[in-house]
Amino acid sequence: QTIVEGFYSRGMHSIDFSSDKLPSGIYLYKMETGTQTLIKKFITIK
């Protein structure tokens, strides 16, 4: 599932995301820049 897509100017950005519809579990998210890819996890517990 893509949460947000597009290009952003240099600097700090934040994205609000609601996990209300996701079941409990471990999820991965990926952020990419022109030179780096970052993969992290988050956990939801209902």
PDB file of N, CA and C in Angstrom:
ATOM      1  N   GLN A   1       0.851  -1.174   0.000  1.00  0.00           N
ATOM      2  CA  GLN A   1       0.000   0.000   0.000  1.00  0.00           C
ATOM      3  C   GLN A   1       0.892   1.231   0.000  1.00  0.00           C
ATOM      4  N   THR A   2       0.679   2.120  -0.927  1.00  0.00           N
ATOM      5  CA  THR A   2       1.418   3.372  -0.975  1.00  0.00           C
ATOM      6  C   THR A   2       0.671   4.416  -0.165  1.00  0.00           C
ATOM      7  N   ILE A   3       1.348   5.009   0.805  1.00  0.00           N
ATOM      8  CA  ILE A   3       0.738   6.021   1.665  1.00  0.00           C
ATOM      9  C   ILE A   3       0.846   7.399   1.027  1.00  0.00           C
ATOM     10  N   VAL A   4       2.022   7.724   0.531  1.00  0.00           N
ATOM     11  CA  VAL A   4       2.239   9.009  -0.128  1.00  0.00           C
ATOM     12  C   VAL A   4       3.299   8.808  -1.204  1.00  0.00           C
ATOM     13  N   GLU A   5       3.166   9.549  -2.272  1.00  0.00           N
ATOM     14  CA  GLU A   5       4.107   9.420  -3.381  1.00  0.00           C
ATOM     15  C   GLU A   5       4.349  10.808  -3.943  1.00  0.00           C
ATOM     16  N   GLY A   6       5.551  11.067  -4.377  1.00  0.00           N
ATOM     17  CA  GLY A   6       5.842  12.358  -4.979  1.00  0.00           C
ATOM     18  C   GLY A   6       7.231  12.829  -4.598  1.00  0.00           C
ATOM     19  N   PHE A   7       7.532  14.033  -5.010  1.00  0.00           N
ATOM     20  CA  PHE A   7       8.834  14.632  -4.740  1.00  0.00           C
ATOM     21  C   PHE A   7       8.659  15.784  -3.769  1.00  0.00           C
ATOM     22  N   TYR A   8       9.588  15.901  -2.852  1.00  0.00           N
ATOM     23  CA  TYR A   8       9.554  16.952  -1.836  1.00  0.00           C
ATOM     24  C   TYR A   8      10.855  17.736  -1.893  1.00  0.00           C
ATOM     25  N   SER A   9      10.762  19.009  -1.566  1.00  0.00           N
ATOM     26  CA  SER A   9      11.970  19.825  -1.520  1.00  0.00           C
ATOM     27  C   SER A   9      12.834  19.380  -0.343  1.00  0.00           C
ATOM     28  N   ARG A  10      14.068  19.762  -0.349  1.00  0.00           N
ATOM     29  CA  ARG A  10      14.991  19.418   0.720  1.00  0.00           C
ATOM     30  C   ARG A  10      14.479  19.976   2.044  1.00  0.00           C
ATOM     31  N   GLY A  11      14.668  19.231   3.111  1.00  0.00           N
ATOM     32  CA  GLY A  11      14.241  19.694   4.429  1.00  0.00           C
ATOM     33  C   GLY A  11      13.474  18.618   5.170  1.00  0.00           C
ATOM     34  N   MET A  12      12.925  18.988   6.303  1.00  0.00           N
ATOM     35  CA  MET A  12      12.169  18.047   7.133  1.00  0.00           C
ATOM     36  C   MET A  12      10.706  18.037   6.710  1.00  0.00           C
ATOM     37  N   HIS A  13      10.139  16.845   6.682  1.00  0.00           N
ATOM     38  CA  HIS A  13       8.736  16.675   6.321  1.00  0.00           C
ATOM     39  C   HIS A  13       8.117  15.655   7.268  1.00  0.00           C
ATOM     40  N   SER A  14       6.817  15.741   7.472  1.00  0.00           N
ATOM     41  CA  SER A  14       6.118  14.735   8.267  1.00  0.00           C
ATOM     42  C   SER A  14       4.860  14.308   7.520  1.00  0.00           C
ATOM     43  N   ILE A  15       4.465  13.075   7.753  1.00  0.00           N
ATOM     44  CA  ILE A  15       3.281  12.514   7.105  1.00  0.00           C
ATOM     45  C   ILE A  15       2.434  11.861   8.194  1.00  0.00           C
ATOM     46  N   ASP A  16       1.174  12.234   8.263  1.00  0.00           N
ATOM     47  CA  ASP A  16       0.250  11.608   9.205  1.00  0.00           C
ATOM     48  C   ASP A  16      -0.331  10.356   8.567  1.00  0.00           C
ATOM     49  N   PHE A  17      -0.368   9.292   9.341  1.00  0.00           N
ATOM     50  CA  PHE A  17      -0.847   8.011   8.844  1.00  0.00           C
ATOM     51  C   PHE A  17      -1.674   7.354   9.940  1.00  0.00           C
ATOM     52  N   SER A  18      -2.871   6.907   9.618  1.00  0.00           N
ATOM     53  CA  SER A  18      -3.728   6.227  10.582  1.00  0.00           C
ATOM     54  C   SER A  18      -3.640   4.720  10.366  1.00  0.00           C
ATOM     55  N   SER A  19      -3.308   4.009  11.423  1.00  0.00           N
ATOM     56  CA  SER A  19      -3.219   2.545  11.331  1.00  0.00           C
ATOM     57  C   SER A  19      -4.488   1.874  11.849  1.00  0.00           C
ATOM     58  N   ASP A  20      -5.564   2.619  11.992  1.00  0.00           N
ATOM     59  CA  ASP A  20      -6.815   2.083  12.542  1.00  0.00           C
ATOM     60  C   ASP A  20      -7.330   0.860  11.790  1.00  0.00           C
ATOM     61  N   LYS A  21      -7.154   0.825  10.486  1.00  0.00           N
ATOM     62  CA  LYS A  21      -7.710  -0.267   9.682  1.00  0.00           C
ATOM     63  C   LYS A  21      -6.749  -1.447   9.529  1.00  0.00           C
ATOM     64  N   LEU A  22      -5.552  -1.328  10.080  1.00  0.00           N
ATOM     65  CA  LEU A  22      -4.582  -2.418   9.988  1.00  0.00           C
ATOM     66  C   LEU A  22      -4.736  -3.358  11.173  1.00  0.00           C
ATOM     67  N   PRO A  23      -4.667  -4.661  10.943  1.00  0.00           N
ATOM     68  CA  PRO A  23      -4.676  -5.587  12.077  1.00  0.00           C
ATOM     69  C   PRO A  23      -3.340  -5.530  12.823  1.00  0.00           C
ATOM     70  N   SER A  24      -3.318  -6.081  14.023  1.00  0.00           N
ATOM     71  CA  SER A  24      -2.070  -6.161  14.780  1.00  0.00           C
ATOM     72  C   SER A  24      -1.015  -6.874  13.947  1.00  0.00           C
ATOM     73  N   GLY A  25       0.207  -6.399  14.021  1.00  0.00           N
ATOM     74  CA  GLY A  25       1.273  -7.041  13.270  1.00  0.00           C
ATOM     75  C   GLY A  25       2.494  -6.163  13.172  1.00  0.00           C
ATOM     76  N   ILE A  26       3.482  -6.670  12.473  1.00  0.00           N
ATOM     77  CA  ILE A  26       4.722  -5.948  12.209  1.00  0.00           C
ATOM     78  C   ILE A  26       4.692  -5.525  10.750  1.00  0.00           C
ATOM     79  N   TYR A  27       4.939  -4.260  10.508  1.00  0.00           N
ATOM     80  CA  TYR A  27       4.883  -3.693   9.163  1.00  0.00           C
ATOM     81  C   TYR A  27       6.201  -3.007   8.842  1.00  0.00           C
ATOM     82  N   LEU A  28       6.537  -2.987   7.571  1.00  0.00           N
ATOM     83  CA  LEU A  28       7.732  -2.299   7.095  1.00  0.00           C
ATOM     84  C   LEU A  28       7.321  -1.093   6.279  1.00  0.00           C
ATOM     85  N   TYR A  29       8.112  -0.035   6.380  1.00  0.00           N
ATOM     86  CA  TYR A  29       7.913   1.111   5.496  1.00  0.00           C
ATOM     87  C   TYR A  29       9.244   1.490   4.875  1.00  0.00           C
ATOM     88  N   LYS A  30       9.175   2.051   3.691  1.00  0.00           N
ATOM     89  CA  LYS A  30      10.381   2.387   2.939  1.00  0.00           C
ATOM     90  C   LYS A  30      10.314   3.835   2.497  1.00  0.00           C
ATOM     91  N   MET A  31      11.427   4.537   2.698  1.00  0.00           N
ATOM     92  CA  MET A  31      11.568   5.911   2.209  1.00  0.00           C
ATOM     93  C   MET A  31      12.787   5.955   1.301  1.00  0.00           C
ATOM     94  N   GLU A  32      12.631   6.633   0.173  1.00  0.00           N
ATOM     95  CA  GLU A  32      13.724   6.711  -0.788  1.00  0.00           C
ATOM     96  C   GLU A  32      14.040   8.158  -1.124  1.00  0.00           C
ATOM     97  N   THR A  33      15.326   8.439  -1.260  1.00  0.00           N
ATOM     98  CA  THR A  33      15.779   9.721  -1.790  1.00  0.00           C
ATOM     99  C   THR A  33      16.551   9.414  -3.065  1.00  0.00           C
ATOM    100  N   GLY A  34      17.131  10.414  -3.643  1.00  0.00           N
ATOM    101  CA  GLY A  34      17.917  10.185  -4.846  1.00  0.00           C
ATOM    102  C   GLY A  34      19.133   9.311  -4.602  1.00  0.00           C
ATOM    103  N   THR A  35      19.633   9.293  -3.347  1.00  0.00           N
ATOM    104  CA  THR A  35      20.866   8.563  -3.047  1.00  0.00           C
ATOM    105  C   THR A  35      20.722   7.516  -1.955  1.00  0.00           C
ATOM    106  N   GLN A  36      19.600   7.481  -1.249  1.00  0.00           N
ATOM    107  CA  GLN A  36      19.459   6.567  -0.117  1.00  0.00           C
ATOM    108  C   GLN A  36      18.093   5.891  -0.101  1.00  0.00           C
ATOM    109  N   THR A  37      18.064   4.693   0.453  1.00  0.00           N
ATOM    110  CA  THR A  37      16.816   3.986   0.730  1.00  0.00           C
ATOM    111  C   THR A  37      16.846   3.571   2.192  1.00  0.00           C
ATOM    112  N   LEU A  38      15.772   3.872   2.910  1.00  0.00           N
ATOM    113  CA  LEU A  38      15.666   3.554   4.329  1.00  0.00           C
ATOM    114  C   LEU A  38      14.449   2.663   4.535  1.00  0.00           C
ATOM    115  N   ILE A  39      14.652   1.516   5.162  1.00  0.00           N
ATOM    116  CA  ILE A  39      13.551   0.606   5.474  1.00  0.00           C
ATOM    117  C   ILE A  39      13.494   0.448   6.988  1.00  0.00           C
ATOM    118  N   LYS A  40      12.342   0.711   7.564  1.00  0.00           N
ATOM    119  CA  LYS A  40      12.128   0.613   9.010  1.00  0.00           C
ATOM    120  C   LYS A  40      10.870  -0.190   9.270  1.00  0.00           C
ATOM    121  N   LYS A  41      10.660  -0.564  10.520  1.00  0.00           N
ATOM    122  CA  LYS A  41       9.453  -1.309  10.858  1.00  0.00           C
ATOM    123  C   LYS A  41       8.666  -0.562  11.920  1.00  0.00           C
ATOM    124  N   PHE A  42       7.371  -0.840  11.944  1.00  0.00           N
ATOM    125  CA  PHE A  42       6.533  -0.379  13.040  1.00  0.00           C
ATOM    126  C   PHE A  42       5.585  -1.504  13.418  1.00  0.00           C
ATOM    127  N   ILE A  43       5.138  -1.480  14.651  1.00  0.00           N
ATOM    128  CA  ILE A  43       4.305  -2.543  15.205  1.00  0.00           C
ATOM    129  C   ILE A  43       2.976  -1.953  15.634  1.00  0.00           C
ATOM    130  N   THR A  44       1.881  -2.630  15.276  1.00  0.00           N
ATOM    131  CA  THR A  44       0.570  -2.233  15.777  1.00  0.00           C
ATOM    132  C   THR A  44       0.049  -3.344  16.684  1.00  0.00           C
ATOM    133  N   ILE A  45      -0.520  -2.938  17.797  1.00  0.00           N
ATOM    134  CA  ILE A  45      -1.122  -3.874  18.748  1.00  0.00           C
ATOM    135  C   ILE A  45      -2.526  -3.387  19.032  1.00  0.00           C
ATOM    136  N   LYS A  46      -3.508  -4.210  18.758  1.00  0.00           N
ATOM    137  CA  LYS A  46      -4.917  -3.819  18.968  1.00  0.00           C
ATOM    138  C   LYS A  46      -5.458  -4.470  20.214  1.00  0.00           C
TER     139      LYS A  46
END
